[in-house]
Amino acid sequence: MSEKVCEHCSGKSKERSEKEYKDLLNRLSRIEGQVRGVKAMVERDAYCTDIITQVAAINAALNSFNKVLLANHIKTCVTQDIKDGKEETVDELVATLQKLMK
């Protein structure tokens, strides 16, 4: 997979394996489908608890996505940065974990 640069990510980028790339995109596509499903439920006046149940499933899917992404980040980016002496990466990881635990 080629390295992609995101203007929102402080110029940092991550080269992902084809497998990781496809897995992340598949997860996001499923989540996107779930969100469209909830929108359709609201449009057809579905019962509140049915919508809430689907939103809970979306939240669980997003949490699962974050767990996979974070594990990959720690195993690759963080580990390599620490080996390279970039201690600020630990501070960045701590800040990221604090955002996830709000």
C-alpha atoms as a PDB file:
ATOM      1  CA  MET A   1       0.000   0.000   0.000  1.00  0.00           C
ATOM      2  CA  SER A   2       1.375   3.417  -0.792  1.00  0.00           C
ATOM      3  CA  GLU A   3       1.863   5.957   1.947  1.00  0.00           C
ATOM      4  CA  LYS A   4      -0.944   8.500   2.174  1.00  0.00           C
ATOM      5  CA  VAL A   5      -0.532  11.968   3.655  1.00  0.00           C
ATOM      6  CA  CYS A   6      -3.400  13.663   5.462  1.00  0.00           C
ATOM      7  CA  GLU A   7      -3.327  17.429   5.835  1.00  0.00           C
ATOM      8  CA  HIS A   8      -5.268  17.089   9.115  1.00  0.00           C
ATOM      9  CA  CYS A   9      -2.691  14.795  10.758  1.00  0.00           C
ATOM     10  CA  SER A  10       0.254  17.147  11.298  1.00  0.00           C
ATOM     11  CA  GLY A  11       1.858  15.928   8.089  1.00  0.00           C
ATOM     12  CA  LYS A  12       2.234  12.439   9.518  1.00  0.00           C
ATOM     13  CA  SER A  13       1.191   9.419   7.540  1.00  0.00           C
ATOM     14  CA  LYS A  14       1.069   5.667   7.920  1.00  0.00           C
ATOM     15  CA  GLU A  15       1.893   3.012   5.395  1.00  0.00           C
ATOM     16  CA  ARG A  16      -0.533   0.129   5.922  1.00  0.00           C
ATOM     17  CA  SER A  17      -0.370  -3.399   4.649  1.00  0.00           C
ATOM     18  CA  GLU A  18      -2.976  -4.341   2.065  1.00  0.00           C
ATOM     19  CA  LYS A  19      -4.689  -6.572   4.647  1.00  0.00           C
ATOM     20  CA  GLU A  20      -4.855  -3.829   7.301  1.00  0.00           C
ATOM     21  CA  TYR A  21      -6.074  -1.303   4.728  1.00  0.00           C
ATOM     22  CA  LYS A  22      -8.859  -3.591   3.478  1.00  0.00           C
ATOM     23  CA  ASP A  23      -9.888  -4.575   7.002  1.00  0.00           C
ATOM     24  CA  LEU A  24     -10.211  -0.958   8.126  1.00  0.00           C
ATOM     25  CA  LEU A  25     -12.153   0.044   5.020  1.00  0.00           C
ATOM     26  CA  ASN A  26     -14.485  -2.966   5.350  1.00  0.00           C
ATOM     27  CA  ARG A  27     -15.198  -2.082   8.964  1.00  0.00           C
ATOM     28  CA  LEU A  28     -15.919   1.530   8.022  1.00  0.00           C
ATOM     29  CA  SER A  29     -18.176   0.463   5.161  1.00  0.00           C
ATOM     30  CA  ARG A  30     -20.223  -1.713   7.534  1.00  0.00           C
ATOM     31  CA  ILE A  31     -20.485   1.171  10.015  1.00  0.00           C
ATOM     32  CA  GLU A  32     -21.516   3.517   7.211  1.00  0.00           C
ATOM     33  CA  GLY A  33     -24.239   1.055   6.232  1.00  0.00           C
ATOM     34  CA  GLN A  34     -25.446   0.860   9.822  1.00  0.00           C
ATOM     35  CA  VAL A  35     -25.661   4.661  10.019  1.00  0.00           C
ATOM     36  CA  ARG A  36     -27.655   4.773   6.771  1.00  0.00           C
ATOM     37  CA  GLY A  37     -29.938   2.126   8.260  1.00  0.00           C
ATOM     38  CA  VAL A  38     -30.561   4.245  11.353  1.00  0.00           C
ATOM     39  CA  LYS A  39     -31.301   7.251   9.167  1.00  0.00           C
ATOM     40  CA  ALA A  40     -33.865   5.178   7.270  1.00  0.00           C
ATOM     41  CA  MET A  41     -35.389   4.061  10.573  1.00  0.00           C
ATOM     42  CA  VAL A  42     -35.817   7.681  11.665  1.00  0.00           C
ATOM     43  CA  GLU A  43     -37.304   8.580   8.270  1.00  0.00           C
ATOM     44  CA  ARG A  44     -39.921   5.828   8.583  1.00  0.00           C
ATOM     45  CA  ASP A  45     -40.707   6.690  12.213  1.00  0.00           C
ATOM     46  CA  ALA A  46     -39.339   3.479  13.718  1.00  0.00           C
ATOM     47  CA  TYR A  47     -39.847   2.826  17.396  1.00  0.00           C
ATOM     48  CA  CYS A  48     -37.359   4.671  19.638  1.00  0.00           C
ATOM     49  CA  THR A  49     -35.876   1.650  21.374  1.00  0.00           C
ATOM     50  CA  ASP A  50     -35.284  -0.069  18.034  1.00  0.00           C
ATOM     51  CA  ILE A  51     -33.280   2.958  16.881  1.00  0.00           C
ATOM     52  CA  ILE A  52     -31.397   3.128  20.180  1.00  0.00           C
ATOM     53  CA  THR A  53     -30.470  -0.547  19.840  1.00  0.00           C
ATOM     54  CA  GLN A  54     -29.039   0.084  16.376  1.00  0.00           C
ATOM     55  CA  VAL A  55     -27.129   3.165  17.574  1.00  0.00           C
ATOM     56  CA  ALA A  56     -25.640   1.046  20.372  1.00  0.00           C
ATOM     57  CA  ALA A  57     -24.478  -1.439  17.716  1.00  0.00           C
ATOM     58  CA  ILE A  58     -22.867   1.423  15.772  1.00  0.00           C
ATOM     59  CA  ASN A  59     -21.090   2.623  18.912  1.00  0.00           C
ATOM     60  CA  ALA A  60     -19.802  -0.907  19.538  1.00  0.00           C
ATOM     61  CA  ALA A  61     -18.581  -1.154  15.935  1.00  0.00           C
ATOM     62  CA  LEU A  62     -16.779   2.200  16.212  1.00  0.00           C
ATOM     63  CA  ASN A  63     -15.178   1.110  19.492  1.00  0.00           C
ATOM     64  CA  SER A  64     -14.036  -2.104  17.836  1.00  0.00           C
ATOM     65  CA  PHE A  65     -12.613  -0.115  14.910  1.00  0.00           C
ATOM     66  CA  ASN A  66     -10.704   2.108  17.359  1.00  0.00           C
ATOM     67  CA  LYS A  67      -9.326  -0.923  19.225  1.00  0.00           C
ATOM     68  CA  VAL A  68      -7.995  -2.467  16.009  1.00  0.00           C
ATOM     69  CA  LEU A  69      -6.541   0.828  14.793  1.00  0.00           C
ATOM     70  CA  LEU A  70      -4.969   1.613  18.176  1.00  0.00           C
ATOM     71  CA  ALA A  71      -3.429  -1.860  18.482  1.00  0.00           C
ATOM     72  CA  ASN A  72      -1.925  -1.546  14.997  1.00  0.00           C
ATOM     73  CA  HIS A  73      -0.665   1.947  15.843  1.00  0.00           C
ATOM     74  CA  ILE A  74       1.053   0.760  19.018  1.00  0.00           C
ATOM     75  CA  LYS A  75       2.570  -2.306  17.325  1.00  0.00           C
ATOM     76  CA  THR A  76       3.958  -0.288  14.418  1.00  0.00           C
ATOM     77  CA  CYS A  77       4.209   3.494  14.729  1.00  0.00           C
ATOM     78  CA  VAL A  78       4.705   3.797  18.484  1.00  0.00           C
ATOM     79  CA  THR A  79       7.129   0.877  18.700  1.00  0.00           C
ATOM     80  CA  GLN A  80       9.235   2.194  15.824  1.00  0.00           C
ATOM     81  CA  ASP A  81       9.253   5.756  17.152  1.00  0.00           C
ATOM     82  CA  ILE A  82      10.426   4.555  20.573  1.00  0.00           C
ATOM     83  CA  LYS A  83      13.188   2.515  18.926  1.00  0.00           C
ATOM     84  CA  ASP A  84      14.146   5.671  17.007  1.00  0.00           C
ATOM     85  CA  GLY A  85      14.321   7.663  20.256  1.00  0.00           C
ATOM     86  CA  LYS A  86      11.183   9.733  19.613  1.00  0.00           C
ATOM     87  CA  GLU A  87       9.912   9.819  23.178  1.00  0.00           C
ATOM     88  CA  GLU A  88       7.250  12.442  22.332  1.00  0.00           C
ATOM     89  CA  THR A  89       5.289   9.627  20.720  1.00  0.00           C
ATOM     90  CA  VAL A  90       4.465   8.301  24.191  1.00  0.00           C
ATOM     91  CA  ASP A  91       2.946  11.680  25.112  1.00  0.00           C
ATOM     92  CA  GLU A  92       0.954  11.621  21.875  1.00  0.00           C
ATOM     93  CA  LEU A  93      -0.303   8.117  22.690  1.00  0.00           C
ATOM     94  CA  VAL A  94      -1.330   9.180  26.206  1.00  0.00           C
ATOM     95  CA  ALA A  95      -3.234  12.172  24.779  1.00  0.00           C
ATOM     96  CA  THR A  96      -4.958   9.903  22.267  1.00  0.00           C
ATOM     97  CA  LEU A  97      -5.984   7.441  24.984  1.00  0.00           C
ATOM     98  CA  GLN A  98      -7.345  10.303  27.087  1.00  0.00           C
ATOM     99  CA  LYS A  99      -9.514  11.407  24.137  1.00  0.00           C
ATOM    100  CA  LEU A 100     -10.825   7.871  23.720  1.00  0.00           C
ATOM    101  CA  MET A 101     -11.738   7.619  27.404  1.00  0.00           C
ATOM    102  CA  LYS A 102     -13.862  10.769  27.619  1.00  0.00           C
END
